[in-house]
């Protein structure tokens, strides 16, 4: 069984804001950075278990768009799959996923964690 994954990451939009203390190359690899990006991923499966001479291919489109609602900063990511080849012969759009991350602009030294229920504390 073979699996080939090809990933391409493209660009940062002019409207995107990069924190001044973070370089663009670091921000491009930071999932919480407010950069506009589009990722295109091709997933090929050369064969399937118990299916003779069958293969499949799916293309994933993953746009990332930062936006604000009032005082809250968001990073929205959609995953849109498109099957281009399948053992059943069916092609087309699959189930899409929308992920919205709310980013709180606080330094790590001021983030507090609260838990409920029993917890163990080291002595």
PDB file of N, CA and C in Angstrom:
ATOM      1  N   UNK A   1       0.855  -1.172   0.000  1.00  0.00           N
ATOM      2  CA  UNK A   1       0.000   0.000   0.000  1.00  0.00           C
ATOM      3  C   UNK A   1       0.900   1.235   0.000  1.00  0.00           C
ATOM      4  N   UNK A   2       0.633   2.155  -0.891  1.00  0.00           N
ATOM      5  CA  UNK A   2       1.444   3.364  -0.987  1.00  0.00           C
ATOM      6  C   UNK A   2       0.641   4.595  -0.653  1.00  0.00           C
ATOM      7  N   UNK A   3       1.302   5.557  -0.075  1.00  0.00           N
ATOM      8  CA  UNK A   3       0.659   6.820   0.250  1.00  0.00           C
ATOM      9  C   UNK A   3       1.650   7.928  -0.033  1.00  0.00           C
ATOM     10  N   UNK A   4       1.244   8.850  -0.871  1.00  0.00           N
ATOM     11  CA  UNK A   4       2.090   9.976  -1.224  1.00  0.00           C
ATOM     12  C   UNK A   4       1.389  11.246  -0.814  1.00  0.00           C
ATOM     13  N   UNK A   5       2.057  12.069  -0.036  1.00  0.00           N
ATOM     14  CA  UNK A   5       1.483  13.325   0.413  1.00  0.00           C
ATOM     15  C   UNK A   5       2.366  14.457  -0.080  1.00  0.00           C
ATOM     16  N   UNK A   6       1.773  15.377  -0.816  1.00  0.00           N
ATOM     17  CA  UNK A   6       2.474  16.530  -1.347  1.00  0.00           C
ATOM     18  C   UNK A   6       1.816  17.773  -0.779  1.00  0.00           C
ATOM     19  N   UNK A   7       2.603  18.636  -0.143  1.00  0.00           N
ATOM     20  CA  UNK A   7       2.060  19.818   0.490  1.00  0.00           C
ATOM     21  C   UNK A   7       2.722  21.060  -0.072  1.00  0.00           C
ATOM     22  N   UNK A   8       1.897  22.052  -0.373  1.00  0.00           N
ATOM     23  CA  UNK A   8       2.386  23.339  -0.836  1.00  0.00           C
ATOM     24  C   UNK A   8       1.724  24.421  -0.007  1.00  0.00           C
ATOM     25  N   UNK A   9       2.512  25.302   0.555  1.00  0.00           N
ATOM     26  CA  UNK A   9       1.975  26.424   1.309  1.00  0.00           C
ATOM     27  C   UNK A   9       2.254  27.680   0.510  1.00  0.00           C
ATOM     28  N   UNK A  10       1.236  28.498   0.344  1.00  0.00           N
ATOM     29  CA  UNK A  10       1.399  29.708  -0.456  1.00  0.00           C
ATOM     30  C   UNK A  10       1.002  30.919   0.350  1.00  0.00           C
ATOM     31  N   UNK A  11       1.847  31.870   0.310  1.00  0.00           N
ATOM     32  CA  UNK A  11       1.696  33.260   0.599  1.00  0.00           C
ATOM     33  C   UNK A  11       1.122  33.774   1.873  1.00  0.00           C
ATOM     34  N   UNK A  12       1.408  35.024   2.046  1.00  0.00           N
ATOM     35  CA  UNK A  12       0.847  35.834   3.111  1.00  0.00           C
ATOM     36  C   UNK A  12       0.235  37.048   2.453  1.00  0.00           C
ATOM     37  N   UNK A  13      -0.989  37.346   2.817  1.00  0.00           N
ATOM     38  CA  UNK A  13      -1.680  38.475   2.198  1.00  0.00           C
ATOM     39  C   UNK A  13      -1.213  39.804   2.750  1.00  0.00           C
ATOM     40  N   UNK A  14      -1.491  40.861   2.012  1.00  0.00           N
ATOM     41  CA  UNK A  14      -1.076  42.193   2.429  1.00  0.00           C
ATOM     42  C   UNK A  14      -1.831  42.636   3.670  1.00  0.00           C
ATOM     43  N   UNK A  15      -3.053  42.123   3.855  1.00  0.00           N
ATOM     44  CA  UNK A  15      -3.846  42.534   5.006  1.00  0.00           C
ATOM     45  C   UNK A  15      -3.443  41.790   6.270  1.00  0.00           C
ATOM     46  N   UNK A  16      -2.627  40.765   6.138  1.00  0.00           N
ATOM     47  CA  UNK A  16      -2.215  39.985   7.302  1.00  0.00           C
ATOM     48  C   UNK A  16      -1.248  40.794   8.148  1.00  0.00           C
ATOM     49  N   UNK A  17      -1.315  40.543   9.443  1.00  0.00           N
ATOM     50  CA  UNK A  17      -0.418  41.234  10.346  1.00  0.00           C
ATOM     51  C   UNK A  17       0.518  40.238  10.988  1.00  0.00           C
ATOM     52  N   UNK A  18       1.793  40.522  10.933  1.00  0.00           N
ATOM     53  CA  UNK A  18       2.801  39.683  11.552  1.00  0.00           C
ATOM     54  C   UNK A  18       3.312  40.431  12.773  1.00  0.00           C
ATOM     55  N   UNK A  19       3.307  39.800  13.947  1.00  0.00           N
ATOM     56  CA  UNK A  19       3.844  40.471  15.117  1.00  0.00           C
ATOM     57  C   UNK A  19       5.278  40.927  14.872  1.00  0.00           C
ATOM     58  N   UNK A  20       5.634  42.086  15.396  1.00  0.00           N
ATOM     59  CA  UNK A  20       6.957  42.648  15.143  1.00  0.00           C
ATOM     60  C   UNK A  20       8.072  41.818  15.760  1.00  0.00           C
ATOM     61  N   UNK A  21       7.783  41.053  16.803  1.00  0.00           N
ATOM     62  CA  UNK A  21       8.815  40.245  17.440  1.00  0.00           C
ATOM     63  C   UNK A  21       8.913  38.850  16.820  1.00  0.00           C
ATOM     64  N   UNK A  22       8.212  38.622  15.723  1.00  0.00           N
ATOM     65  CA  UNK A  22       8.223  37.306  15.094  1.00  0.00           C
ATOM     66  C   UNK A  22       8.552  37.474  13.610  1.00  0.00           C
ATOM     67  N   UNK A  23       9.568  36.786  13.137  1.00  0.00           N
ATOM     68  CA  UNK A  23       9.966  36.859  11.738  1.00  0.00           C
ATOM     69  C   UNK A  23       8.921  36.167  10.866  1.00  0.00           C
ATOM     70  N   UNK A  24       8.870  36.545   9.586  1.00  0.00           N
ATOM     71  CA  UNK A  24       7.882  35.978   8.666  1.00  0.00           C
ATOM     72  C   UNK A  24       8.032  34.477   8.527  1.00  0.00           C
ATOM     73  N   UNK A  25       9.262  33.964   8.485  1.00  0.00           N
ATOM     74  CA  UNK A  25       9.442  32.515   8.354  1.00  0.00           C
ATOM     75  C   UNK A  25       8.951  31.776   9.590  1.00  0.00           C
ATOM     76  N   UNK A  26       9.098  32.377  10.774  1.00  0.00           N
ATOM     77  CA  UNK A  26       8.567  31.768  11.990  1.00  0.00           C
ATOM     78  C   UNK A  26       7.049  31.840  11.999  1.00  0.00           C
ATOM     79  N   UNK A  27       6.487  32.973  11.568  1.00  0.00           N
ATOM     80  CA  UNK A  27       5.039  33.140  11.554  1.00  0.00           C
ATOM     81  C   UNK A  27       4.384  32.183  10.564  1.00  0.00           C
ATOM     82  N   UNK A  28       5.064  31.885   9.461  1.00  0.00           N
ATOM     83  CA  UNK A  28       4.507  30.968   8.461  1.00  0.00           C
ATOM     84  C   UNK A  28       4.331  29.562   9.025  1.00  0.00           C
ATOM     85  N   UNK A  29       5.131  29.187  10.008  1.00  0.00           N
ATOM     86  CA  UNK A  29       5.035  27.865  10.629  1.00  0.00           C
ATOM     87  C   UNK A  29       4.279  27.871  11.940  1.00  0.00           C
ATOM     88  N   UNK A  30       3.782  29.033  12.355  1.00  0.00           N
ATOM     89  CA  UNK A  30       3.044  29.171  13.609  1.00  0.00           C
ATOM     90  C   UNK A  30       1.546  29.131  13.308  1.00  0.00           C
ATOM     91  N   UNK A  31       0.823  28.100  13.790  1.00  0.00           N
ATOM     92  CA  UNK A  31      -0.604  28.011  13.473  1.00  0.00           C
ATOM     93  C   UNK A  31      -1.443  29.123  14.100  1.00  0.00           C
ATOM     94  N   UNK A  32      -0.896  29.864  15.070  1.00  0.00           N
ATOM     95  CA  UNK A  32      -1.656  30.945  15.686  1.00  0.00           C
ATOM     96  C   UNK A  32      -1.276  32.316  15.136  1.00  0.00           C
ATOM     97  N   UNK A  33      -0.384  32.379  14.146  1.00  0.00           N
ATOM     98  CA  UNK A  33      -0.015  33.655  13.531  1.00  0.00           C
ATOM     99  C   UNK A  33      -1.138  34.110  12.603  1.00  0.00           C
ATOM    100  N   UNK A  34      -1.359  35.407  12.551  1.00  0.00           N
ATOM    101  CA  UNK A  34      -2.448  35.957  11.739  1.00  0.00           C
ATOM    102  C   UNK A  34      -1.987  36.191  10.306  1.00  0.00           C
ATOM    103  N   UNK A  35      -1.777  35.117   9.574  1.00  0.00           N
ATOM    104  CA  UNK A  35      -1.369  35.185   8.175  1.00  0.00           C
ATOM    105  C   UNK A  35      -2.451  34.558   7.300  1.00  0.00           C
ATOM    106  N   UNK A  36      -2.687  35.157   6.143  1.00  0.00           N
ATOM    107  CA  UNK A  36      -3.564  34.537   5.165  1.00  0.00           C
ATOM    108  C   UNK A  36      -2.724  33.524   4.396  1.00  0.00           C
ATOM    109  N   UNK A  37      -3.225  32.302   4.296  1.00  0.00           N
ATOM    110  CA  UNK A  37      -2.474  31.259   3.610  1.00  0.00           C
ATOM    111  C   UNK A  37      -3.439  30.292   2.941  1.00  0.00           C
ATOM    112  N   UNK A  38      -2.938  29.595   1.932  1.00  0.00           N
ATOM    113  CA  UNK A  38      -3.697  28.535   1.277  1.00  0.00           C
ATOM    114  C   UNK A  38      -2.772  27.334   1.153  1.00  0.00           C
ATOM    115  N   UNK A  39      -3.239  26.211   1.639  1.00  0.00           N
ATOM    116  CA  UNK A  39      -2.474  24.967   1.546  1.00  0.00           C
ATOM    117  C   UNK A  39      -3.224  24.027   0.611  1.00  0.00           C
ATOM    118  N   UNK A  40      -2.507  23.465  -0.337  1.00  0.00           N
ATOM    119  CA  UNK A  40      -3.085  22.478  -1.242  1.00  0.00           C
ATOM    120  C   UNK A  40      -2.330  21.178  -1.013  1.00  0.00           C
ATOM    121  N   UNK A  41      -3.077  20.123  -0.691  1.00  0.00           N
ATOM    122  CA  UNK A  41      -2.459  18.845  -0.365  1.00  0.00           C
ATOM    123  C   UNK A  41      -3.054  17.769  -1.266  1.00  0.00           C
ATOM    124  N   UNK A  42      -2.199  17.004  -1.918  1.00  0.00           N
ATOM    125  CA  UNK A  42      -2.633  15.909  -2.767  1.00  0.00           C
ATOM    126  C   UNK A  42      -2.324  14.602  -2.044  1.00  0.00           C
ATOM    127  N   UNK A  43      -3.329  13.761  -1.857  1.00  0.00           N
ATOM    128  CA  UNK A  43      -3.154  12.489  -1.162  1.00  0.00           C
ATOM    129  C   UNK A  43      -3.473  11.361  -2.144  1.00  0.00           C
ATOM    130  N   UNK A  44      -2.466  10.557  -2.469  1.00  0.00           N
ATOM    131  CA  UNK A  44      -2.620   9.449  -3.410  1.00  0.00           C
ATOM    132  C   UNK A  44      -2.432   8.131  -2.676  1.00  0.00           C
ATOM    133  N   UNK A  45      -3.326   7.210  -2.897  1.00  0.00           N
ATOM    134  CA  UNK A  45      -3.203   5.863  -2.355  1.00  0.00           C
ATOM    135  C   UNK A  45      -3.098   4.903  -3.527  1.00  0.00           C
ATOM    136  N   UNK A  46      -1.943   4.258  -3.644  1.00  0.00           N
ATOM    137  CA  UNK A  46      -1.673   3.388  -4.783  1.00  0.00           C
ATOM    138  C   UNK A  46      -2.490   2.126  -4.816  1.00  0.00           C
ATOM    139  N   UNK A  47      -2.904   1.622  -3.659  1.00  0.00           N
ATOM    140  CA  UNK A  47      -3.755   0.437  -3.628  1.00  0.00           C
ATOM    141  C   UNK A  47      -4.505   0.387  -2.306  1.00  0.00           C
ATOM    142  N   UNK A  48      -5.537  -0.424  -2.275  1.00  0.00           N
ATOM    143  CA  UNK A  48      -6.374  -0.585  -1.092  1.00  0.00           C
ATOM    144  C   UNK A  48      -6.367  -2.046  -0.673  1.00  0.00           C
ATOM    145  N   UNK A  49      -6.557  -2.284   0.598  1.00  0.00           N
ATOM    146  CA  UNK A  49      -6.610  -3.646   1.131  1.00  0.00           C
ATOM    147  C   UNK A  49      -7.814  -4.382   0.543  1.00  0.00           C
ATOM    148  N   UNK A  50      -7.602  -5.581   0.062  1.00  0.00           N
ATOM    149  CA  UNK A  50      -8.630  -6.463  -0.519  1.00  0.00           C
ATOM    150  C   UNK A  50      -9.274  -5.915  -1.792  1.00  0.00           C
ATOM    151  N   UNK A  51      -8.705  -4.914  -2.416  1.00  0.00           N
ATOM    152  CA  UNK A  51      -9.184  -4.422  -3.713  1.00  0.00           C
ATOM    153  C   UNK A  51      -8.026  -4.525  -4.697  1.00  0.00           C
ATOM    154  N   UNK A  52      -8.185  -5.348  -5.702  1.00  0.00           N
ATOM    155  CA  UNK A  52      -7.110  -5.603  -6.659  1.00  0.00           C
ATOM    156  C   UNK A  52      -7.046  -4.496  -7.707  1.00  0.00           C
ATOM    157  N   UNK A  53      -5.862  -3.942  -7.905  1.00  0.00           N
ATOM    158  CA  UNK A  53      -5.606  -2.910  -8.912  1.00  0.00           C
ATOM    159  C   UNK A  53      -6.507  -1.680  -8.783  1.00  0.00           C
ATOM    160  N   UNK A  54      -6.771  -1.250  -7.569  1.00  0.00           N
ATOM    161  CA  UNK A  54      -7.571  -0.041  -7.343  1.00  0.00           C
ATOM    162  C   UNK A  54      -6.696   1.016  -6.674  1.00  0.00           C
ATOM    163  N   UNK A  55      -6.883   2.257  -7.039  1.00  0.00           N
ATOM    164  CA  UNK A  55      -6.145   3.349  -6.411  1.00  0.00           C
ATOM    165  C   UNK A  55      -7.092   4.518  -6.176  1.00  0.00           C
ATOM    166  N   UNK A  56      -6.618   5.495  -5.428  1.00  0.00           N
ATOM    167  CA  UNK A  56      -7.454   6.646  -5.125  1.00  0.00           C
ATOM    168  C   UNK A  56      -6.620   7.902  -4.996  1.00  0.00           C
ATOM    169  N   UNK A  57      -7.252   9.029  -5.205  1.00  0.00           N
ATOM    170  CA  UNK A  57      -6.575  10.313  -5.086  1.00  0.00           C
ATOM    171  C   UNK A  57      -7.556  11.353  -4.551  1.00  0.00           C
ATOM    172  N   UNK A  58      -7.087  12.164  -3.614  1.00  0.00           N
ATOM    173  CA  UNK A  58      -7.908  13.227  -3.051  1.00  0.00           C
ATOM    174  C   UNK A  58      -7.067  14.485  -2.942  1.00  0.00           C
ATOM    175  N   UNK A  59      -7.657  15.624  -3.270  1.00  0.00           N
ATOM    176  CA  UNK A  59      -7.008  16.917  -3.133  1.00  0.00           C
ATOM    177  C   UNK A  59      -7.700  17.659  -1.998  1.00  0.00           C
ATOM    178  N   UNK A  60      -6.885  18.166  -1.050  1.00  0.00           N
ATOM    179  CA  UNK A  60      -7.423  18.956   0.057  1.00  0.00           C
ATOM    180  C   UNK A  60      -7.043  20.408  -0.156  1.00  0.00           C
ATOM    181  N   UNK A  61      -8.011  21.291  -0.067  1.00  0.00           N
ATOM    182  CA  UNK A  61      -7.791  22.729  -0.122  1.00  0.00           C
ATOM    183  C   UNK A  61      -8.021  23.257   1.288  1.00  0.00           C
ATOM    184  N   UNK A  62      -6.996  23.937   1.842  1.00  0.00           N
ATOM    185  CA  UNK A  62      -7.076  24.433   3.217  1.00  0.00           C
ATOM    186  C   UNK A  62      -6.735  25.922   3.279  1.00  0.00           C
ATOM    187  N   UNK A  63      -7.741  26.781   3.090  1.00  0.00           N
ATOM    188  CA  UNK A  63      -7.483  28.211   3.252  1.00  0.00           C
ATOM    189  C   UNK A  63      -7.487  28.594   4.730  1.00  0.00           C
ATOM    190  N   UNK A  64      -6.640  29.563   5.083  1.00  0.00           N
ATOM    191  CA  UNK A  64      -6.575  30.102   6.443  1.00  0.00           C
ATOM    192  C   UNK A  64      -6.785  31.608   6.334  1.00  0.00           C
ATOM    193  N   UNK A  65      -7.783  32.123   7.077  1.00  0.00           N
ATOM    194  CA  UNK A  65      -8.121  33.538   6.987  1.00  0.00           C
ATOM    195  C   UNK A  65      -8.265  34.113   8.401  1.00  0.00           C
ATOM    196  N   UNK A  66      -7.422  35.097   8.753  1.00  0.00           N
ATOM    197  CA  UNK A  66      -7.604  35.772  10.040  1.00  0.00           C
ATOM    198  C   UNK A  66      -8.678  36.858   9.897  1.00  0.00           C
ATOM    199  N   UNK A  67      -9.478  37.050  10.963  1.00  0.00           N
ATOM    200  CA  UNK A  67     -10.479  38.114  10.964  1.00  0.00           C
ATOM    201  C   UNK A  67     -10.792  38.497  12.401  1.00  0.00           C
ATOM    202  N   UNK A  68     -11.492  39.598  12.572  1.00  0.00           N
ATOM    203  CA  UNK A  68     -11.868  40.050  13.916  1.00  0.00           C
ATOM    204  C   UNK A  68     -13.376  40.238  13.995  1.00  0.00           C
ATOM    205  N   UNK A  69     -13.908  39.998  15.171  1.00  0.00           N
ATOM    206  CA  UNK A  69     -15.294  40.318  15.493  1.00  0.00           C
ATOM    207  C   UNK A  69     -15.252  41.118  16.786  1.00  0.00           C
ATOM    208  N   UNK A  70     -15.449  42.401  16.672  1.00  0.00           N
ATOM    209  CA  UNK A  70     -15.327  43.253  17.851  1.00  0.00           C
ATOM    210  C   UNK A  70     -13.891  43.265  18.336  1.00  0.00           C
ATOM    211  N   UNK A  71     -13.692  42.906  19.600  1.00  0.00           N
ATOM    212  CA  UNK A  71     -12.349  42.893  20.174  1.00  0.00           C
ATOM    213  C   UNK A  71     -11.669  41.525  20.046  1.00  0.00           C
ATOM    214  N   UNK A  72     -12.366  40.543  19.509  1.00  0.00           N
ATOM    215  CA  UNK A  72     -11.809  39.193  19.413  1.00  0.00           C
ATOM    216  C   UNK A  72     -11.126  38.971  18.074  1.00  0.00           C
ATOM    217  N   UNK A  73      -9.942  38.371  18.111  1.00  0.00           N
ATOM    218  CA  UNK A  73      -9.223  37.989  16.898  1.00  0.00           C
ATOM    219  C   UNK A  73      -9.459  36.508  16.635  1.00  0.00           C
ATOM    220  N   UNK A  74      -9.758  36.174  15.398  1.00  0.00           N
ATOM    221  CA  UNK A  74     -10.031  34.794  15.007  1.00  0.00           C
ATOM    222  C   UNK A  74      -9.068  34.373  13.908  1.00  0.00           C
ATOM    223  N   UNK A  75      -8.843  33.068  13.819  1.00  0.00           N
ATOM    224  CA  UNK A  75      -8.161  32.462  12.677  1.00  0.00           C
ATOM    225  C   UNK A  75      -9.068  31.323  12.223  1.00  0.00           C
ATOM    226  N   UNK A  76      -9.627  31.461  11.021  1.00  0.00           N
ATOM    227  CA  UNK A  76     -10.532  30.443  10.484  1.00  0.00           C
ATOM    228  C   UNK A  76      -9.783  29.587   9.480  1.00  0.00           C
ATOM    229  N   UNK A  77      -9.970  28.285   9.583  1.00  0.00           N
ATOM    230  CA  UNK A  77      -9.364  27.349   8.636  1.00  0.00           C
ATOM    231  C   UNK A  77     -10.455  26.402   8.153  1.00  0.00           C
ATOM    232  N   UNK A  78     -10.573  26.287   6.845  1.00  0.00           N
ATOM    233  CA  UNK A  78     -11.503  25.343   6.241  1.00  0.00           C
ATOM    234  C   UNK A  78     -10.697  24.219   5.602  1.00  0.00           C
ATOM    235  N   UNK A  79     -11.239  23.020   5.645  1.00  0.00           N
ATOM    236  CA  UNK A  79     -10.657  21.889   4.938  1.00  0.00           C
ATOM    237  C   UNK A  79     -11.714  21.399   3.960  1.00  0.00           C
ATOM    238  N   UNK A  80     -11.390  21.503   2.672  1.00  0.00           N
ATOM    239  CA  UNK A  80     -12.341  21.157   1.617  1.00  0.00           C
ATOM    240  C   UNK A  80     -11.735  20.022   0.780  1.00  0.00           C
ATOM    241  N   UNK A  81     -12.229  18.783   0.963  1.00  0.00           N
ATOM    242  CA  UNK A  81     -11.682  17.656   0.202  1.00  0.00           C
ATOM    243  C   UNK A  81     -12.405  17.476  -1.137  1.00  0.00           C
ATOM    244  N   UNK A  82     -11.636  17.096  -2.157  1.00  0.00           N
ATOM    245  CA  UNK A  82     -12.199  16.802  -3.471  1.00  0.00           C
ATOM    246  C   UNK A  82     -11.579  15.500  -3.973  1.00  0.00           C
ATOM    247  N   UNK A  83     -12.409  14.488  -4.134  1.00  0.00           N
ATOM    248  CA  UNK A  83     -11.937  13.188  -4.624  1.00  0.00           C
ATOM    249  C   UNK A  83     -11.827  13.241  -6.142  1.00  0.00           C
ATOM    250  N   UNK A  84     -10.630  12.963  -6.651  1.00  0.00           N
ATOM    251  CA  UNK A  84     -10.418  12.955  -8.094  1.00  0.00           C
ATOM    252  C   UNK A  84     -10.370  11.543  -8.667  1.00  0.00           C
ATOM    253  N   UNK A  85     -10.175  10.546  -7.794  1.00  0.00           N
ATOM    254  CA  UNK A  85     -10.123   9.145  -8.207  1.00  0.00           C
ATOM    255  C   UNK A  85     -10.498   8.299  -7.000  1.00  0.00           C
ATOM    256  N   UNK A  86     -11.417   7.350  -7.186  1.00  0.00           N
ATOM    257  CA  UNK A  86     -11.791   6.466  -6.079  1.00  0.00           C
ATOM    258  C   UNK A  86     -12.132   5.090  -6.631  1.00  0.00           C
ATOM    259  N   UNK A  87     -12.023   4.042  -5.813  1.00  0.00           N
ATOM    260  CA  UNK A  87     -12.352   2.688  -6.280  1.00  0.00           C
ATOM    261  C   UNK A  87     -13.813   2.558  -6.720  1.00  0.00           C
ATOM    262  N   UNK A  88     -14.706   3.355  -6.136  1.00  0.00           N
ATOM    263  CA  UNK A  88     -16.120   3.280  -6.507  1.00  0.00           C
ATOM    264  C   UNK A  88     -16.410   4.015  -7.810  1.00  0.00           C
ATOM    265  N   UNK A  89     -15.463   4.838  -8.261  1.00  0.00           N
ATOM    266  CA  UNK A  89     -15.672   5.626  -9.467  1.00  0.00           C
ATOM    267  C   UNK A  89     -16.302   6.982  -9.208  1.00  0.00           C
ATOM    268  N   UNK A  90     -16.722   7.218  -7.968  1.00  0.00           N
ATOM    269  CA  UNK A  90     -17.340   8.499  -7.627  1.00  0.00           C
ATOM    270  C   UNK A  90     -16.264   9.545  -7.378  1.00  0.00           C
ATOM    271  N   UNK A  91     -16.480  10.744  -7.889  1.00  0.00           N
ATOM    272  CA  UNK A  91     -15.576  11.860  -7.647  1.00  0.00           C
ATOM    273  C   UNK A  91     -16.398  13.054  -7.202  1.00  0.00           C
ATOM    274  N   UNK A  92     -15.734  14.051  -6.632  1.00  0.00           N
ATOM    275  CA  UNK A  92     -16.428  15.265  -6.225  1.00  0.00           C
ATOM    276  C   UNK A  92     -16.073  15.678  -4.813  1.00  0.00           C
ATOM    277  N   UNK A  93     -16.814  16.658  -4.306  1.00  0.00           N
ATOM    278  CA  UNK A  93     -16.567  17.210  -2.972  1.00  0.00           C
ATOM    279  C   UNK A  93     -16.931  16.227  -1.879  1.00  0.00           C
ATOM    280  N   UNK A  94     -16.105  16.231  -0.819  1.00  0.00           N
ATOM    281  CA  UNK A  94     -16.377  15.422   0.358  1.00  0.00           C
ATOM    282  C   UNK A  94     -16.894  16.304   1.486  1.00  0.00           C
ATOM    283  N   UNK A  95     -16.877  15.768   2.698  1.00  0.00           N
ATOM    284  CA  UNK A  95     -17.329  16.523   3.860  1.00  0.00           C
ATOM    285  C   UNK A  95     -16.303  17.598   4.216  1.00  0.00           C
ATOM    286  N   UNK A  96     -16.741  18.836   4.268  1.00  0.00           N
ATOM    287  CA  UNK A  96     -15.861  19.960   4.592  1.00  0.00           C
ATOM    288  C   UNK A  96     -15.876  20.225   6.087  1.00  0.00           C
ATOM    289  N   UNK A  97     -14.773  20.791   6.580  1.00  0.00           N
ATOM    290  CA  UNK A  97     -14.636  21.106   7.999  1.00  0.00           C
ATOM    291  C   UNK A  97     -14.246  22.571   8.123  1.00  0.00           C
ATOM    292  N   UNK A  98     -14.878  23.290   9.055  1.00  0.00           N
ATOM    293  CA  UNK A  98     -14.526  24.671   9.350  1.00  0.00           C
ATOM    294  C   UNK A  98     -14.066  24.744  10.794  1.00  0.00           C
ATOM    295  N   UNK A  99     -12.859  25.266  11.006  1.00  0.00           N
ATOM    296  CA  UNK A  99     -12.263  25.394  12.330  1.00  0.00           C
ATOM    297  C   UNK A  99     -12.019  26.871  12.608  1.00  0.00           C
ATOM    298  N   UNK A 100     -12.503  27.372  13.740  1.00  0.00           N
ATOM    299  CA  UNK A 100     -12.324  28.768  14.118  1.00  0.00           C
ATOM    300  C   UNK A 100     -11.571  28.817  15.447  1.00  0.00           C
ATOM    301  N   UNK A 101     -10.400  29.440  15.428  1.00  0.00           N
ATOM    302  CA  UNK A 101      -9.577  29.578  16.623  1.00  0.00           C
ATOM    303  C   UNK A 101      -9.650  31.025  17.089  1.00  0.00           C
ATOM    304  N   UNK A 102     -10.016  31.248  18.344  1.00  0.00           N
ATOM    305  CA  UNK A 102     -10.008  32.590  18.919  1.00  0.00           C
ATOM    306  C   UNK A 102      -8.658  32.794  19.579  1.00  0.00           C
ATOM    307  N   UNK A 103      -7.969  33.873  19.190  1.00  0.00           N
ATOM    308  CA  UNK A 103      -6.617  34.150  19.675  1.00  0.00           C
ATOM    309  C   UNK A 103      -6.697  35.270  20.712  1.00  0.00           C
ATOM    310  N   UNK A 104      -6.165  34.998  21.886  1.00  0.00           N
ATOM    311  CA  UNK A 104      -6.085  36.000  22.940  1.00  0.00           C
ATOM    312  C   UNK A 104      -4.667  36.550  22.948  1.00  0.00           C
ATOM    313  N   UNK A 105      -4.524  37.829  22.735  1.00  0.00           N
ATOM    314  CA  UNK A 105      -3.202  38.459  22.647  1.00  0.00           C
ATOM    315  C   UNK A 105      -2.684  38.787  24.039  1.00  0.00           C
ATOM    316  N   UNK A 106      -2.113  37.793  24.691  1.00  0.00           N
ATOM    317  CA  UNK A 106      -1.501  37.957  25.999  1.00  0.00           C
ATOM    318  C   UNK A 106      -0.129  37.295  25.960  1.00  0.00           C
ATOM    319  N   UNK A 107       0.793  37.851  26.724  1.00  0.00           N
ATOM    320  CA  UNK A 107       2.099  37.204  26.806  1.00  0.00           C
ATOM    321  C   UNK A 107       1.967  35.934  27.635  1.00  0.00           C
ATOM    322  N   UNK A 108       2.869  34.996  27.411  1.00  0.00           N
ATOM    323  CA  UNK A 108       2.780  33.703  28.084  1.00  0.00           C
ATOM    324  C   UNK A 108       2.926  33.821  29.596  1.00  0.00           C
ATOM    325  N   UNK A 109       3.541  34.901  30.084  1.00  0.00           N
ATOM    326  CA  UNK A 109       3.717  35.042  31.523  1.00  0.00           C
ATOM    327  C   UNK A 109       2.430  35.475  32.220  1.00  0.00           C
ATOM    328  N   UNK A 110       1.431  35.925  31.471  1.00  0.00           N
ATOM    329  CA  UNK A 110       0.192  36.369  32.097  1.00  0.00           C
ATOM    330  C   UNK A 110      -0.968  35.421  31.861  1.00  0.00           C
ATOM    331  N   UNK A 111      -0.723  34.286  31.224  1.00  0.00           N
ATOM    332  CA  UNK A 111      -1.792  33.325  30.996  1.00  0.00           C
ATOM    333  C   UNK A 111      -1.952  32.475  32.249  1.00  0.00           C
ATOM    334  N   UNK A 112      -3.192  32.372  32.723  1.00  0.00           N
ATOM    335  CA  UNK A 112      -3.490  31.596  33.915  1.00  0.00           C
ATOM    336  C   UNK A 112      -4.359  30.416  33.537  1.00  0.00           C
ATOM    337  N   UNK A 113      -4.134  29.314  34.195  1.00  0.00           N
ATOM    338  CA  UNK A 113      -4.911  28.114  33.932  1.00  0.00           C
ATOM    339  C   UNK A 113      -5.820  27.845  35.120  1.00  0.00           C
ATOM    340  N   UNK A 114      -7.070  27.544  34.822  1.00  0.00           N
ATOM    341  CA  UNK A 114      -8.024  27.206  35.882  1.00  0.00           C
ATOM    342  C   UNK A 114      -8.585  25.824  35.574  1.00  0.00           C
ATOM    343  N   UNK A 115      -8.648  25.002  36.582  1.00  0.00           N
ATOM    344  CA  UNK A 115      -9.221  23.679  36.426  1.00  0.00           C
ATOM    345  C   UNK A 115     -10.281  23.469  37.478  1.00  0.00           C
ATOM    346  N   UNK A 116     -11.151  22.509  37.230  1.00  0.00           N
ATOM    347  CA  UNK A 116     -12.133  22.146  38.235  1.00  0.00           C
ATOM    348  C   UNK A 116     -11.987  20.663  38.513  1.00  0.00           C
ATOM    349  N   UNK A 117     -12.406  20.259  39.666  1.00  0.00           N
ATOM    350  CA  UNK A 117     -12.295  18.863  40.029  1.00  0.00           C
ATOM    351  C   UNK A 117     -10.979  18.583  40.732  1.00  0.00           C
ATOM    352  N   UNK A 118     -10.768  17.309  41.121  1.00  0.00           N
ATOM    353  CA  UNK A 118      -9.540  16.967  41.844  1.00  0.00           C
ATOM    354  C   UNK A 118      -8.306  17.095  40.948  1.00  0.00           C
ATOM    355  N   UNK A 119      -7.234  17.509  41.550  1.00  0.00           N
ATOM    356  CA  UNK A 119      -5.969  17.597  40.820  1.00  0.00           C
ATOM    357  C   UNK A 119      -4.824  17.240  41.758  1.00  0.00           C
ATOM    358  N   UNK A 120      -3.754  16.720  41.198  1.00  0.00           N
ATOM    359  CA  UNK A 120      -2.584  16.344  41.989  1.00  0.00           C
ATOM    360  C   UNK A 120      -1.556  17.447  41.851  1.00  0.00           C
ATOM    361  N   UNK A 121      -0.958  17.842  42.953  1.00  0.00           N
ATOM    362  CA  UNK A 121       0.087  18.858  42.944  1.00  0.00           C
ATOM    363  C   UNK A 121       1.371  18.248  43.491  1.00  0.00           C
ATOM    364  N   UNK A 122       2.475  18.478  42.798  1.00  0.00           N
ATOM    365  CA  UNK A 122       3.745  17.948  43.319  1.00  0.00           C
ATOM    366  C   UNK A 122       4.167  18.702  44.579  1.00  0.00           C
ATOM    367  N   UNK A 123       4.842  18.014  45.483  1.00  0.00           N
ATOM    368  CA  UNK A 123       5.299  18.645  46.737  1.00  0.00           C
ATOM    369  C   UNK A 123       6.736  19.006  46.637  1.00  0.00           C
TER     370      UNK A 123
END
